[in-house]
């Protein structure tokens, strides 16, 4: 992801330099850093660059820079990165977008940045849990409901003591007594 973020930042920086917009390095840096935030990072970096161009060069240069940013970010960031991120994380692009919006709403910039990895972790945990229940794996000690069901609805109890064997004399030398629990009771 770093290489495409760097390419995006360089291309937008070159566009700003050609238009003679000041703070080219700042525009490139903000573009590079915010490119790690799916969807919303492109909006933040574009607004930053266009506002600088508008204040320094005027409307025409700001609109040209906006077109450059839209083309670069839509081709490189949105299409390529979303596809790569979604494929690499095995996450549907719509889920990626939704998690980014929720992450940004809940925890701001950090939430938007960490939303895709956290979503993948949560989905993997749920998947493994579901697979464990589907295969009939033994319940864990923390799964109290399953333990209650197995114990007949009540709290788990200690195992029943095994009955003691009687030591009756044997008829053949060297053999062990063969008593059953019913005989010893």
C-alpha atoms as a PDB file:
ATOM      1  CA  UNK A   1       0.000   0.000   0.000  1.00  0.00           C
ATOM      2  CA  UNK A   2       2.915   2.340   0.617  1.00  0.00           C
ATOM      3  CA  UNK A   3       4.046   2.313  -2.995  1.00  0.00           C
ATOM      4  CA  UNK A   4       0.659   3.364  -4.364  1.00  0.00           C
ATOM      5  CA  UNK A   5       0.313   5.999  -1.626  1.00  0.00           C
ATOM      6  CA  UNK A   6       3.716   7.325  -2.581  1.00  0.00           C
ATOM      7  CA  UNK A   7       2.793   7.329  -6.271  1.00  0.00           C
ATOM      8  CA  UNK A   8      -0.409   9.232  -5.493  1.00  0.00           C
ATOM      9  CA  UNK A   9       1.445  11.801  -3.385  1.00  0.00           C
ATOM     10  CA  UNK A  10       4.154  12.271  -6.026  1.00  0.00           C
ATOM     11  CA  UNK A  11       1.664  12.673  -8.878  1.00  0.00           C
ATOM     12  CA  UNK A  12      -0.408  15.231  -6.977  1.00  0.00           C
ATOM     13  CA  UNK A  13       2.780  17.004  -5.875  1.00  0.00           C
ATOM     14  CA  UNK A  14       3.964  17.184  -9.492  1.00  0.00           C
ATOM     15  CA  UNK A  15       0.575  18.589 -10.531  1.00  0.00           C
ATOM     16  CA  UNK A  16       0.781  21.245  -7.822  1.00  0.00           C
ATOM     17  CA  UNK A  17       4.370  22.106  -8.797  1.00  0.00           C
ATOM     18  CA  UNK A  18       3.447  22.466 -12.478  1.00  0.00           C
ATOM     19  CA  UNK A  19       0.648  24.850 -11.471  1.00  0.00           C
ATOM     20  CA  UNK A  20       3.130  26.748  -9.270  1.00  0.00           C
ATOM     21  CA  UNK A  21       1.101  26.174  -6.120  1.00  0.00           C
ATOM     22  CA  UNK A  22       3.047  26.904  -2.928  1.00  0.00           C
ATOM     23  CA  UNK A  23       3.566  24.287  -0.204  1.00  0.00           C
ATOM     24  CA  UNK A  24       4.024  21.439  -2.693  1.00  0.00           C
ATOM     25  CA  UNK A  25       5.836  19.300  -0.114  1.00  0.00           C
ATOM     26  CA  UNK A  26       3.057  19.869   2.442  1.00  0.00           C
ATOM     27  CA  UNK A  27       0.419  18.918  -0.124  1.00  0.00           C
ATOM     28  CA  UNK A  28       2.357  15.765  -1.043  1.00  0.00           C
ATOM     29  CA  UNK A  29       2.885  14.867   2.627  1.00  0.00           C
ATOM     30  CA  UNK A  30      -0.779  15.338   3.553  1.00  0.00           C
ATOM     31  CA  UNK A  31      -1.775  13.291   0.505  1.00  0.00           C
ATOM     32  CA  UNK A  32       0.646  10.510   1.474  1.00  0.00           C
ATOM     33  CA  UNK A  33      -0.465  10.369   5.113  1.00  0.00           C
ATOM     34  CA  UNK A  34      -4.203  10.560   4.461  1.00  0.00           C
ATOM     35  CA  UNK A  35      -4.034   7.971   1.690  1.00  0.00           C
ATOM     36  CA  UNK A  36      -3.968   5.310   4.410  1.00  0.00           C
ATOM     37  CA  UNK A  37      -7.550   6.203   5.275  1.00  0.00           C
ATOM     38  CA  UNK A  38      -9.830   4.487   2.765  1.00  0.00           C
ATOM     39  CA  UNK A  39     -12.245   6.808   0.958  1.00  0.00           C
ATOM     40  CA  UNK A  40     -12.175   9.681   3.454  1.00  0.00           C
ATOM     41  CA  UNK A  41      -8.442  10.345   3.174  1.00  0.00           C
ATOM     42  CA  UNK A  42      -8.823  11.306  -0.465  1.00  0.00           C
ATOM     43  CA  UNK A  43     -11.430  13.903   0.436  1.00  0.00           C
ATOM     44  CA  UNK A  44      -9.281  15.417   3.199  1.00  0.00           C
ATOM     45  CA  UNK A  45      -6.158  15.665   1.072  1.00  0.00           C
ATOM     46  CA  UNK A  46      -8.040  17.071  -1.932  1.00  0.00           C
ATOM     47  CA  UNK A  47      -9.694  19.757   0.161  1.00  0.00           C
ATOM     48  CA  UNK A  48      -6.337  20.707   1.670  1.00  0.00           C
ATOM     49  CA  UNK A  49      -4.609  21.005  -1.712  1.00  0.00           C
ATOM     50  CA  UNK A  50      -7.461  22.827  -3.434  1.00  0.00           C
ATOM     51  CA  UNK A  51      -7.801  25.354  -0.608  1.00  0.00           C
ATOM     52  CA  UNK A  52      -4.070  26.148  -0.813  1.00  0.00           C
ATOM     53  CA  UNK A  53      -4.277  26.516  -4.600  1.00  0.00           C
ATOM     54  CA  UNK A  54      -7.392  28.675  -4.337  1.00  0.00           C
ATOM     55  CA  UNK A  55      -5.810  30.991  -1.806  1.00  0.00           C
ATOM     56  CA  UNK A  56      -2.479  31.294  -3.623  1.00  0.00           C
ATOM     57  CA  UNK A  57      -3.240  31.055  -7.348  1.00  0.00           C
ATOM     58  CA  UNK A  58      -6.959  31.632  -7.856  1.00  0.00           C
ATOM     59  CA  UNK A  59      -9.965  29.744  -9.112  1.00  0.00           C
ATOM     60  CA  UNK A  60      -8.550  28.477 -12.413  1.00  0.00           C
ATOM     61  CA  UNK A  61      -5.491  26.784 -10.903  1.00  0.00           C
ATOM     62  CA  UNK A  62      -7.585  25.432  -8.027  1.00  0.00           C
ATOM     63  CA  UNK A  63     -10.024  23.810 -10.477  1.00  0.00           C
ATOM     64  CA  UNK A  64      -7.184  22.370 -12.577  1.00  0.00           C
ATOM     65  CA  UNK A  65      -5.563  20.946  -9.440  1.00  0.00           C
ATOM     66  CA  UNK A  66      -8.937  19.521  -8.388  1.00  0.00           C
ATOM     67  CA  UNK A  67      -9.217  17.728 -11.735  1.00  0.00           C
ATOM     68  CA  UNK A  68      -5.670  16.356 -11.359  1.00  0.00           C
ATOM     69  CA  UNK A  69      -6.440  15.175  -7.827  1.00  0.00           C
ATOM     70  CA  UNK A  70      -9.724  13.568  -8.858  1.00  0.00           C
ATOM     71  CA  UNK A  71      -8.114  11.664 -11.716  1.00  0.00           C
ATOM     72  CA  UNK A  72      -5.124  10.489  -9.677  1.00  0.00           C
ATOM     73  CA  UNK A  73      -7.119   9.557  -6.606  1.00  0.00           C
ATOM     74  CA  UNK A  74      -9.927   7.874  -8.494  1.00  0.00           C
ATOM     75  CA  UNK A  75      -7.592   5.795 -10.599  1.00  0.00           C
ATOM     76  CA  UNK A  76      -4.802   5.071  -8.136  1.00  0.00           C
ATOM     77  CA  UNK A  77      -6.420   5.349  -4.722  1.00  0.00           C
ATOM     78  CA  UNK A  78     -10.019   4.321  -5.173  1.00  0.00           C
ATOM     79  CA  UNK A  79      -9.837   1.700  -7.877  1.00  0.00           C
ATOM     80  CA  UNK A  80      -6.421   0.162  -7.368  1.00  0.00           C
ATOM     81  CA  UNK A  81      -6.018   0.483  -3.593  1.00  0.00           C
ATOM     82  CA  UNK A  82      -9.547  -0.505  -2.680  1.00  0.00           C
ATOM     83  CA  UNK A  83      -9.251  -3.558  -4.898  1.00  0.00           C
ATOM     84  CA  UNK A  84      -5.841  -4.471  -3.466  1.00  0.00           C
ATOM     85  CA  UNK A  85      -6.887  -3.831   0.122  1.00  0.00           C
ATOM     86  CA  UNK A  86     -10.145  -5.706  -0.226  1.00  0.00           C
ATOM     87  CA  UNK A  87      -8.482  -8.634  -1.983  1.00  0.00           C
ATOM     88  CA  UNK A  88      -5.562  -8.828   0.410  1.00  0.00           C
ATOM     89  CA  UNK A  89      -7.766  -8.583   3.495  1.00  0.00           C
ATOM     90  CA  UNK A  90     -10.517 -10.715   1.892  1.00  0.00           C
ATOM     91  CA  UNK A  91     -12.999  -7.960   2.663  1.00  0.00           C
ATOM     92  CA  UNK A  92     -15.782  -6.833   0.357  1.00  0.00           C
ATOM     93  CA  UNK A  93     -15.322  -3.206  -0.794  1.00  0.00           C
ATOM     94  CA  UNK A  94     -18.749  -2.216   0.567  1.00  0.00           C
ATOM     95  CA  UNK A  95     -17.845  -3.651   3.981  1.00  0.00           C
ATOM     96  CA  UNK A  96     -14.547  -1.768   3.747  1.00  0.00           C
ATOM     97  CA  UNK A  97     -16.397   1.502   3.056  1.00  0.00           C
ATOM     98  CA  UNK A  98     -18.943   0.915   5.802  1.00  0.00           C
ATOM     99  CA  UNK A  99     -16.305   0.074   8.380  1.00  0.00           C
ATOM    100  CA  UNK A 100     -14.360   3.204   7.447  1.00  0.00           C
ATOM    101  CA  UNK A 101     -17.402   5.419   7.940  1.00  0.00           C
ATOM    102  CA  UNK A 102     -18.271   3.787  11.270  1.00  0.00           C
ATOM    103  CA  UNK A 103     -14.641   3.932  12.414  1.00  0.00           C
ATOM    104  CA  UNK A 104     -14.432   7.635  11.547  1.00  0.00           C
ATOM    105  CA  UNK A 105     -17.701   8.369  13.340  1.00  0.00           C
ATOM    106  CA  UNK A 106     -16.681   6.463  16.464  1.00  0.00           C
ATOM    107  CA  UNK A 107     -12.965   7.283  16.788  1.00  0.00           C
ATOM    108  CA  UNK A 108     -12.177   9.966  14.210  1.00  0.00           C
ATOM    109  CA  UNK A 109      -9.074   9.755  12.069  1.00  0.00           C
ATOM    110  CA  UNK A 110      -7.576   6.872  14.043  1.00  0.00           C
ATOM    111  CA  UNK A 111     -10.837   4.921  13.825  1.00  0.00           C
ATOM    112  CA  UNK A 112     -10.997   5.425  10.062  1.00  0.00           C
ATOM    113  CA  UNK A 113      -7.405   4.278   9.694  1.00  0.00           C
ATOM    114  CA  UNK A 114      -7.808   1.150  11.816  1.00  0.00           C
ATOM    115  CA  UNK A 115     -11.330   0.242  10.708  1.00  0.00           C
ATOM    116  CA  UNK A 116     -10.431  -2.251   7.957  1.00  0.00           C
ATOM    117  CA  UNK A 117      -7.937  -4.293  10.038  1.00  0.00           C
ATOM    118  CA  UNK A 118     -10.264  -4.317  13.060  1.00  0.00           C
ATOM    119  CA  UNK A 119     -13.176  -5.410  10.861  1.00  0.00           C
ATOM    120  CA  UNK A 120     -11.116  -8.278   9.448  1.00  0.00           C
ATOM    121  CA  UNK A 121     -10.092  -9.393  12.945  1.00  0.00           C
ATOM    122  CA  UNK A 122     -13.693  -9.328  14.202  1.00  0.00           C
ATOM    123  CA  UNK A 123     -14.938 -11.225  11.140  1.00  0.00           C
ATOM    124  CA  UNK A 124     -12.196 -13.865  11.531  1.00  0.00           C
ATOM    125  CA  UNK A 125     -13.003 -14.371  15.220  1.00  0.00           C
ATOM    126  CA  UNK A 126     -16.701 -14.760  14.411  1.00  0.00           C
ATOM    127  CA  UNK A 127     -15.883 -17.161  11.567  1.00  0.00           C
ATOM    128  CA  UNK A 128     -13.685 -19.368  13.761  1.00  0.00           C
ATOM    129  CA  UNK A 129     -16.274 -19.349  16.517  1.00  0.00           C
ATOM    130  CA  UNK A 130     -19.020 -20.314  14.067  1.00  0.00           C
ATOM    131  CA  UNK A 131     -16.842 -23.088  12.587  1.00  0.00           C
ATOM    132  CA  UNK A 132     -16.106 -24.409  16.064  1.00  0.00           C
ATOM    133  CA  UNK A 133     -19.805 -24.578  16.892  1.00  0.00           C
ATOM    134  CA  UNK A 134     -20.651 -26.163  13.536  1.00  0.00           C
ATOM    135  CA  UNK A 135     -18.089 -28.956  13.915  1.00  0.00           C
ATOM    136  CA  UNK A 136     -19.297 -29.793  17.398  1.00  0.00           C
ATOM    137  CA  UNK A 137     -16.019 -28.964  19.029  1.00  0.00           C
ATOM    138  CA  UNK A 138     -15.909 -29.429  22.769  1.00  0.00           C
ATOM    139  CA  UNK A 139     -17.089 -26.313  24.554  1.00  0.00           C
ATOM    140  CA  UNK A 140     -14.522 -24.212  26.282  1.00  0.00           C
ATOM    141  CA  UNK A 141     -14.542 -23.700  30.013  1.00  0.00           C
ATOM    142  CA  UNK A 142     -15.845 -20.184  29.438  1.00  0.00           C
ATOM    143  CA  UNK A 143     -18.881 -21.481  27.552  1.00  0.00           C
ATOM    144  CA  UNK A 144     -21.174 -21.817  30.549  1.00  0.00           C
ATOM    145  CA  UNK A 145     -24.377 -22.332  28.574  1.00  0.00           C
ATOM    146  CA  UNK A 146     -22.987 -25.396  26.827  1.00  0.00           C
ATOM    147  CA  UNK A 147     -21.722 -26.804  30.115  1.00  0.00           C
ATOM    148  CA  UNK A 148     -25.135 -26.341  31.721  1.00  0.00           C
ATOM    149  CA  UNK A 149     -26.847 -28.081  28.832  1.00  0.00           C
ATOM    150  CA  UNK A 150     -24.467 -31.038  28.950  1.00  0.00           C
ATOM    151  CA  UNK A 151     -24.910 -31.398  32.703  1.00  0.00           C
ATOM    152  CA  UNK A 152     -28.678 -31.712  32.362  1.00  0.00           C
ATOM    153  CA  UNK A 153     -29.639 -28.117  32.942  1.00  0.00           C
ATOM    154  CA  UNK A 154     -28.090 -27.704  36.342  1.00  0.00           C
ATOM    155  CA  UNK A 155     -24.724 -26.480  37.450  1.00  0.00           C
ATOM    156  CA  UNK A 156     -21.769 -28.678  36.589  1.00  0.00           C
ATOM    157  CA  UNK A 157     -21.087 -31.217  39.289  1.00  0.00           C
ATOM    158  CA  UNK A 158     -18.080 -33.186  40.363  1.00  0.00           C
ATOM    159  CA  UNK A 159     -17.681 -36.625  38.805  1.00  0.00           C
ATOM    160  CA  UNK A 160     -19.275 -39.460  40.728  1.00  0.00           C
ATOM    161  CA  UNK A 161     -16.827 -41.447  42.854  1.00  0.00           C
ATOM    162  CA  UNK A 162     -15.923 -44.851  41.519  1.00  0.00           C
ATOM    163  CA  UNK A 163     -17.015 -47.725  43.748  1.00  0.00           C
ATOM    164  CA  UNK A 164     -14.317 -49.514  45.679  1.00  0.00           C
ATOM    165  CA  UNK A 165     -13.417 -53.038  44.594  1.00  0.00           C
ATOM    166  CA  UNK A 166     -13.809 -55.840  46.999  1.00  0.00           C
ATOM    167  CA  UNK A 167     -10.853 -58.008  47.663  1.00  0.00           C
ATOM    168  CA  UNK A 168     -12.434 -61.425  47.624  1.00  0.00           C
ATOM    169  CA  UNK A 169     -10.086 -64.367  47.478  1.00  0.00           C
ATOM    170  CA  UNK A 170      -9.481 -65.688  44.016  1.00  0.00           C
ATOM    171  CA  UNK A 171      -9.903 -69.279  43.028  1.00  0.00           C
ATOM    172  CA  UNK A 172      -6.886 -69.295  40.759  1.00  0.00           C
ATOM    173  CA  UNK A 173      -3.532 -68.097  41.897  1.00  0.00           C
ATOM    174  CA  UNK A 174      -2.321 -64.852  40.272  1.00  0.00           C
ATOM    175  CA  UNK A 175      -5.733 -63.761  39.001  1.00  0.00           C
ATOM    176  CA  UNK A 176      -7.434 -60.566  40.034  1.00  0.00           C
ATOM    177  CA  UNK A 177     -10.831 -60.491  41.633  1.00  0.00           C
ATOM    178  CA  UNK A 178     -13.636 -59.822  39.218  1.00  0.00           C
ATOM    179  CA  UNK A 179     -16.284 -58.021  41.181  1.00  0.00           C
ATOM    180  CA  UNK A 180     -18.611 -55.425  39.693  1.00  0.00           C
ATOM    181  CA  UNK A 181     -20.045 -52.350  41.339  1.00  0.00           C
ATOM    182  CA  UNK A 182     -23.358 -54.178  41.814  1.00  0.00           C
ATOM    183  CA  UNK A 183     -21.619 -56.998  43.725  1.00  0.00           C
ATOM    184  CA  UNK A 184     -19.884 -54.611  46.081  1.00  0.00           C
ATOM    185  CA  UNK A 185     -23.019 -52.680  46.925  1.00  0.00           C
END
